[in-house]
Amino acid sequence: MSKMFKLLLVLTPQPEGGYTVTCPVLPELVTECDTPEQAIPNAQDALEGLIEVYQQLGKPLPPVLSDVAENTPLWIETLLKVS
């Protein structure tokens, strides 16, 4: 069964290129990406892995990981470059 979670992601540029993707309210969620467009799919993979670890350890999911409806409004902050 698929679930939807609403989390804040922070993309920190790295000197060698790419970004480190973290979540301030879920510090265990850490991944990397080459472009901002890759952040969401990479974060989804990292979250799936994190949930699996919680289940394997028999630990409850953190309260911040409450399931939300698909029609929940989202706030997206991004950089837009125009010429």
C-alpha atoms as a PDB file:
ATOM      1  CA  MET A   1       0.000   0.000   0.000  1.00  0.00           C
ATOM      2  CA  SER A   2       1.389   3.376  -1.020  1.00  0.00           C
ATOM      3  CA  LYS A   3       1.513   6.223   1.498  1.00  0.00           C
ATOM      4  CA  MET A   4       2.113   9.933   1.026  1.00  0.00           C
ATOM      5  CA  PHE A   5       4.329  11.940   3.386  1.00  0.00           C
ATOM      6  CA  LYS A   6       4.875  15.709   3.462  1.00  0.00           C
ATOM      7  CA  LEU A   7       8.471  16.635   4.398  1.00  0.00           C
ATOM      8  CA  LEU A   8      10.712  19.669   4.069  1.00  0.00           C
ATOM      9  CA  LEU A   9      13.843  18.972   2.003  1.00  0.00           C
ATOM     10  CA  VAL A  10      16.998  21.103   2.101  1.00  0.00           C
ATOM     11  CA  LEU A  11      19.416  20.965  -0.843  1.00  0.00           C
ATOM     12  CA  THR A  12      22.908  22.058   0.183  1.00  0.00           C
ATOM     13  CA  PRO A  13      25.292  22.711  -2.727  1.00  0.00           C
ATOM     14  CA  GLN A  14      28.583  20.799  -2.468  1.00  0.00           C
ATOM     15  CA  PRO A  15      31.973  22.246  -3.554  1.00  0.00           C
ATOM     16  CA  GLU A  16      32.628  19.291  -5.856  1.00  0.00           C
ATOM     17  CA  GLY A  17      29.201  19.697  -7.464  1.00  0.00           C
ATOM     18  CA  GLY A  18      25.778  18.339  -6.762  1.00  0.00           C
ATOM     19  CA  TYR A  19      23.750  18.627  -3.584  1.00  0.00           C
ATOM     20  CA  THR A  20      23.311  16.932  -0.254  1.00  0.00           C
ATOM     21  CA  VAL A  21      19.601  16.477   0.473  1.00  0.00           C
ATOM     22  CA  THR A  22      18.502  16.484   4.111  1.00  0.00           C
ATOM     23  CA  CYS A  23      15.282  16.842   6.092  1.00  0.00           C
ATOM     24  CA  PRO A  24      15.403  19.062   9.212  1.00  0.00           C
ATOM     25  CA  VAL A  25      12.550  17.204  10.944  1.00  0.00           C
ATOM     26  CA  LEU A  26      13.891  13.740  10.049  1.00  0.00           C
ATOM     27  CA  PRO A  27      17.685  13.889  10.457  1.00  0.00           C
ATOM     28  CA  GLU A  28      18.124  10.255   9.410  1.00  0.00           C
ATOM     29  CA  LEU A  29      16.973  11.142   5.885  1.00  0.00           C
ATOM     30  CA  VAL A  30      20.100  12.016   3.912  1.00  0.00           C
ATOM     31  CA  THR A  31      20.823  11.523   0.225  1.00  0.00           C
ATOM     32  CA  GLU A  32      22.639  13.200  -2.650  1.00  0.00           C
ATOM     33  CA  CYS A  33      21.761  14.385  -6.131  1.00  0.00           C
ATOM     34  CA  ASP A  34      23.496  15.983  -9.098  1.00  0.00           C
ATOM     35  CA  THR A  35      20.611  18.322  -9.941  1.00  0.00           C
ATOM     36  CA  PRO A  36      17.627  19.741  -8.039  1.00  0.00           C
ATOM     37  CA  GLU A  37      15.338  17.702 -10.317  1.00  0.00           C
ATOM     38  CA  GLN A  38      16.830  14.507  -8.878  1.00  0.00           C
ATOM     39  CA  ALA A  39      16.203  15.547  -5.258  1.00  0.00           C
ATOM     40  CA  ILE A  40      12.636  14.277  -4.945  1.00  0.00           C
ATOM     41  CA  PRO A  41      13.154  10.815  -6.473  1.00  0.00           C
ATOM     42  CA  ASN A  42      16.361  10.359  -4.463  1.00  0.00           C
ATOM     43  CA  ALA A  43      14.615  11.480  -1.268  1.00  0.00           C
ATOM     44  CA  GLN A  44      11.770   9.035  -1.984  1.00  0.00           C
ATOM     45  CA  ASP A  45      14.287   6.190  -2.289  1.00  0.00           C
ATOM     46  CA  ALA A  46      16.029   7.267   0.919  1.00  0.00           C
ATOM     47  CA  LEU A  47      12.697   7.495   2.766  1.00  0.00           C
ATOM     48  CA  GLU A  48      11.660   4.029   1.587  1.00  0.00           C
ATOM     49  CA  GLY A  49      14.963   2.649   2.869  1.00  0.00           C
ATOM     50  CA  LEU A  50      14.587   4.474   6.173  1.00  0.00           C
ATOM     51  CA  ILE A  51      11.060   3.121   6.680  1.00  0.00           C
ATOM     52  CA  GLU A  52      12.337  -0.406   5.957  1.00  0.00           C
ATOM     53  CA  VAL A  53      15.037   0.010   8.624  1.00  0.00           C
ATOM     54  CA  TYR A  54      12.456   1.164  11.187  1.00  0.00           C
ATOM     55  CA  GLN A  55      10.289  -1.866  10.355  1.00  0.00           C
ATOM     56  CA  GLN A  56      13.239  -4.291  10.562  1.00  0.00           C
ATOM     57  CA  LEU A  57      14.187  -2.893  13.966  1.00  0.00           C
ATOM     58  CA  GLY A  58      10.578  -3.053  15.160  1.00  0.00           C
ATOM     59  CA  LYS A  59      10.634   0.661  15.897  1.00  0.00           C
ATOM     60  CA  PRO A  60       7.583   2.881  15.367  1.00  0.00           C
ATOM     61  CA  LEU A  61       7.860   5.537  12.702  1.00  0.00           C
ATOM     62  CA  PRO A  62       8.615   9.044  13.994  1.00  0.00           C
ATOM     63  CA  PRO A  63       5.443  11.133  14.487  1.00  0.00           C
ATOM     64  CA  VAL A  64       6.564  13.468  11.698  1.00  0.00           C
ATOM     65  CA  LEU A  65       5.903  10.601   9.273  1.00  0.00           C
ATOM     66  CA  SER A  66       2.140  10.756   9.405  1.00  0.00           C
ATOM     67  CA  ASP A  67       0.329   9.763   6.239  1.00  0.00           C
ATOM     68  CA  VAL A  68      -1.325  12.679   4.392  1.00  0.00           C
ATOM     69  CA  ALA A  69      -3.949  12.766   1.659  1.00  0.00           C
ATOM     70  CA  GLU A  70      -2.797  13.083  -1.949  1.00  0.00           C
ATOM     71  CA  ASN A  71      -4.655  16.382  -2.340  1.00  0.00           C
ATOM     72  CA  THR A  72      -2.734  18.030   0.515  1.00  0.00           C
ATOM     73  CA  PRO A  73      -1.426  21.477  -0.531  1.00  0.00           C
ATOM     74  CA  LEU A  74       2.335  21.718  -0.986  1.00  0.00           C
ATOM     75  CA  TRP A  75       4.708  24.640  -0.585  1.00  0.00           C
ATOM     76  CA  ILE A  76       7.587  24.536  -3.043  1.00  0.00           C
ATOM     77  CA  GLU A  77      10.441  27.003  -2.835  1.00  0.00           C
ATOM     78  CA  THR A  78      12.908  26.963  -5.700  1.00  0.00           C
ATOM     79  CA  LEU A  79      15.287  29.074  -7.769  1.00  0.00           C
ATOM     80  CA  LEU A  80      14.082  30.133 -11.193  1.00  0.00           C
ATOM     81  CA  LYS A  81      16.517  31.552 -13.727  1.00  0.00           C
ATOM     82  CA  VAL A  82      15.163  33.720 -16.533  1.00  0.00           C
ATOM     83  CA  SER A  83      17.055  35.593 -19.229  1.00  0.00           C
END
